[in-house]
Amino acid sequence: MDAALPKPFLLTVVAAAMLREGRVLVQQRPSGTPMAGLWEFPGGKVEPGETPEHALARELHEELGIGVDPAALVPLTFASEALGDRHLLLLLYRLDRWQGAPEPRHATALCWADHATLRTLPMPPADLPFPAALAPLLGKPRSQDGTVAIASK
């Protein structure tokens, strides 16, 4: 975007609820970034000229190294939040299939979280409504002890 132009009032961000075996993938924001250490759903900003679905496919490739067909992204829910002089519109998509194994290219860690774990993770304010929205899609953990697999950089 041209530096001389003002930033648009509405900031549109897309995120994926990547589902596998009753769990959803979340990533931990790295140190040195706003809201470092908090857990969020992978995704990012929609750039000018992009559809939300194409932006999310691009972001998932950049952040996790996976391939995603934009047609596989199913709108799930959204969040809306004031950000100073701007406003955030966060669109959450369901994703059940992708190519490749997610790896934390920009995040500190990845976590496949069941619903109980997801509700305990510290998240940015805009993400806070999402665990409740995902509850019907998240099953009980496969292991008896409820362990969650975490991958770190």
Protein backbone atom coordinates (compact mmCIF):
# COMPACT_ATOMS: atom_id res chain seq x y z
CA MET A 1 0.00 0.00 0.00
CA ASP A 2 1.26 3.54 -0.82
CA ALA A 3 2.77 5.13 2.32
CA ALA A 4 1.13 8.49 1.42
CA LEU A 5 -2.36 7.00 1.59
CA PRO A 6 -4.08 6.76 4.97
CA LYS A 7 -4.61 3.29 6.39
CA PRO A 8 -8.13 2.01 5.78
CA PHE A 9 -10.42 2.19 8.80
CA LEU A 10 -11.41 -1.48 8.50
CA LEU A 11 -8.64 -4.04 8.93
CA THR A 12 -9.78 -7.40 7.57
CA VAL A 13 -7.94 -10.41 8.97
CA VAL A 14 -8.57 -14.08 8.16
CA ALA A 15 -7.82 -17.13 10.30
CA ALA A 16 -8.20 -20.89 9.98
CA ALA A 17 -9.72 -23.37 12.39
CA MET A 18 -7.68 -26.32 11.10
CA LEU A 19 -9.40 -29.43 12.43
CA ARG A 20 -7.84 -32.87 12.96
CA GLU A 21 -9.13 -35.71 15.13
CA GLY A 22 -11.25 -33.47 17.36
CA ARG A 23 -8.51 -30.86 17.84
CA VAL A 24 -7.78 -27.47 16.33
CA LEU A 25 -4.38 -25.98 15.49
CA VAL A 26 -3.30 -22.81 17.26
CA GLN A 27 0.04 -21.03 17.17
CA GLN A 28 1.91 -18.98 19.76
CA ARG A 29 2.92 -15.44 18.82
CA PRO A 30 6.72 -14.97 18.90
CA SER A 31 8.58 -12.60 21.21
CA GLY A 32 9.17 -9.14 19.80
CA THR A 33 5.69 -8.97 18.24
CA PRO A 34 2.50 -7.37 19.55
CA MET A 35 0.76 -9.72 22.00
CA ALA A 36 3.82 -12.00 22.16
CA GLY A 37 3.20 -15.32 23.87
CA LEU A 38 -0.53 -15.36 23.19
CA TRP A 39 -2.12 -18.20 21.22
CA GLU A 40 -4.07 -17.55 18.03
CA PHE A 41 -5.47 -19.27 14.98
CA PRO A 42 -3.10 -19.15 11.99
CA GLY A 43 -3.85 -16.52 9.36
CA GLY A 44 -3.20 -12.87 8.59
CA LYS A 45 -4.24 -9.70 6.83
CA VAL A 46 -6.19 -9.56 3.59
CA GLU A 47 -4.11 -7.55 1.10
CA PRO A 48 -5.66 -5.20 -1.50
CA GLY A 49 -7.01 -7.17 -4.46
CA GLU A 50 -7.25 -10.47 -2.53
CA THR A 51 -10.36 -12.37 -1.59
CA PRO A 52 -10.42 -13.50 2.05
CA GLU A 53 -10.07 -17.13 0.94
CA HIS A 54 -7.04 -16.47 -1.27
CA ALA A 55 -5.46 -14.37 1.48
CA LEU A 56 -5.89 -17.20 3.98
CA ALA A 57 -4.44 -19.80 1.60
CA ARG A 58 -1.42 -17.48 1.09
CA GLU A 59 -0.99 -16.84 4.82
CA LEU A 60 -1.19 -20.55 5.70
CA HIS A 61 1.52 -21.30 3.15
CA GLU A 62 3.72 -18.48 4.51
CA GLU A 63 3.15 -19.28 8.21
CA LEU A 64 2.86 -23.07 8.21
CA GLY A 65 4.31 -24.25 4.88
CA ILE A 66 1.09 -26.00 3.86
CA GLY A 67 -0.89 -25.94 0.63
CA VAL A 68 -4.56 -25.00 0.81
CA ASP A 69 -7.20 -24.90 -1.91
CA PRO A 70 -9.21 -21.70 -1.26
CA ALA A 71 -12.37 -23.66 -2.16
CA ALA A 72 -11.73 -25.90 0.90
CA LEU A 73 -12.15 -22.94 3.29
CA VAL A 74 -15.64 -22.86 4.83
CA PRO A 75 -16.79 -19.64 6.57
CA LEU A 76 -17.41 -20.43 10.24
CA THR A 77 -17.80 -17.24 12.31
CA PHE A 78 -16.28 -13.79 12.80
CA ALA A 79 -15.24 -11.32 15.47
CA SER A 80 -15.33 -7.52 15.38
CA GLU A 81 -13.21 -5.30 17.62
CA ALA A 82 -12.09 -1.67 17.92
CA LEU A 83 -8.33 -1.13 17.55
CA GLY A 84 -7.61 2.49 18.40
CA ASP A 85 -8.48 4.55 15.31
CA ARG A 86 -9.11 1.38 13.26
CA HIS A 87 -11.50 -1.54 13.44
CA LEU A 88 -10.64 -5.24 13.17
CA LEU A 89 -12.90 -7.68 11.35
CA LEU A 90 -11.58 -11.21 11.98
CA LEU A 91 -13.05 -13.93 9.75
CA LEU A 92 -12.64 -17.53 10.94
CA TYR A 93 -12.80 -20.33 8.37
CA ARG A 94 -13.06 -24.06 8.96
CA LEU A 95 -10.38 -26.13 7.23
CA ASP A 96 -10.46 -29.94 7.16
CA ARG A 97 -7.95 -30.70 4.40
CA TRP A 98 -4.58 -29.33 3.33
CA GLN A 99 -1.32 -30.54 1.80
CA GLY A 100 1.79 -30.96 3.92
CA ALA A 101 2.54 -30.99 7.63
CA PRO A 102 2.15 -27.66 9.47
CA GLU A 103 5.41 -26.31 10.88
CA PRO A 104 5.92 -23.12 12.93
CA ARG A 105 7.68 -20.86 10.40
CA HIS A 106 6.83 -17.59 12.19
CA ALA A 107 5.29 -18.79 15.46
CA THR A 108 7.11 -19.89 18.60
CA ALA A 109 5.06 -23.09 18.82
CA LEU A 110 2.07 -24.95 17.41
CA CYS A 111 -0.51 -26.82 19.48
CA TRP A 112 -3.26 -29.24 18.45
CA ALA A 113 -5.73 -28.32 21.19
CA ASP A 114 -8.90 -30.04 22.28
CA HIS A 115 -11.74 -27.85 23.57
CA ALA A 116 -10.69 -28.04 27.23
CA THR A 117 -7.12 -26.99 26.40
CA LEU A 118 -8.23 -24.30 23.95
CA ARG A 119 -10.32 -22.60 26.65
CA THR A 120 -7.26 -22.30 28.94
CA LEU A 121 -4.82 -20.79 26.43
CA PRO A 122 -4.24 -17.02 26.67
CA MET A 123 -5.48 -15.43 23.41
CA PRO A 124 -5.77 -11.98 21.87
CA PRO A 125 -9.13 -10.34 22.71
CA ALA A 126 -10.51 -10.80 19.17
CA ASP A 127 -9.95 -14.59 19.36
CA LEU A 128 -11.71 -15.07 22.71
CA PRO A 129 -15.19 -15.86 21.27
CA PHE A 130 -13.82 -18.59 19.00
CA PRO A 131 -13.33 -21.47 21.48
CA ALA A 132 -17.07 -21.44 22.29
CA ALA A 133 -17.95 -21.32 18.58
CA LEU A 134 -15.66 -24.31 17.94
CA ALA A 135 -16.95 -26.44 20.84
CA PRO A 136 -19.35 -28.52 18.68
CA LEU A 137 -16.49 -29.36 16.28
CA LEU A 138 -13.95 -30.41 18.91
CA GLY A 139 -14.11 -33.89 20.38
CA LYS A 140 -12.62 -35.45 23.44
CA PRO A 141 -8.85 -36.06 23.43
CA ARG A 142 -7.78 -39.47 22.15
CA SER A 143 -5.39 -40.17 25.03
CA GLN A 144 -6.73 -40.95 28.51
CA ASP A 145 -4.47 -38.34 30.13
CA GLY A 146 -5.57 -35.54 27.75
CA THR A 147 -2.04 -34.78 26.56
CA VAL A 148 -1.72 -32.24 23.77
CA ALA A 149 1.05 -32.53 21.19
CA ILE A 150 3.07 -29.34 20.82
CA ALA A 151 5.67 -28.61 18.14
CA SER A 152 8.25 -25.88 18.82
CA LYS A 153 10.77 -24.14 16.63
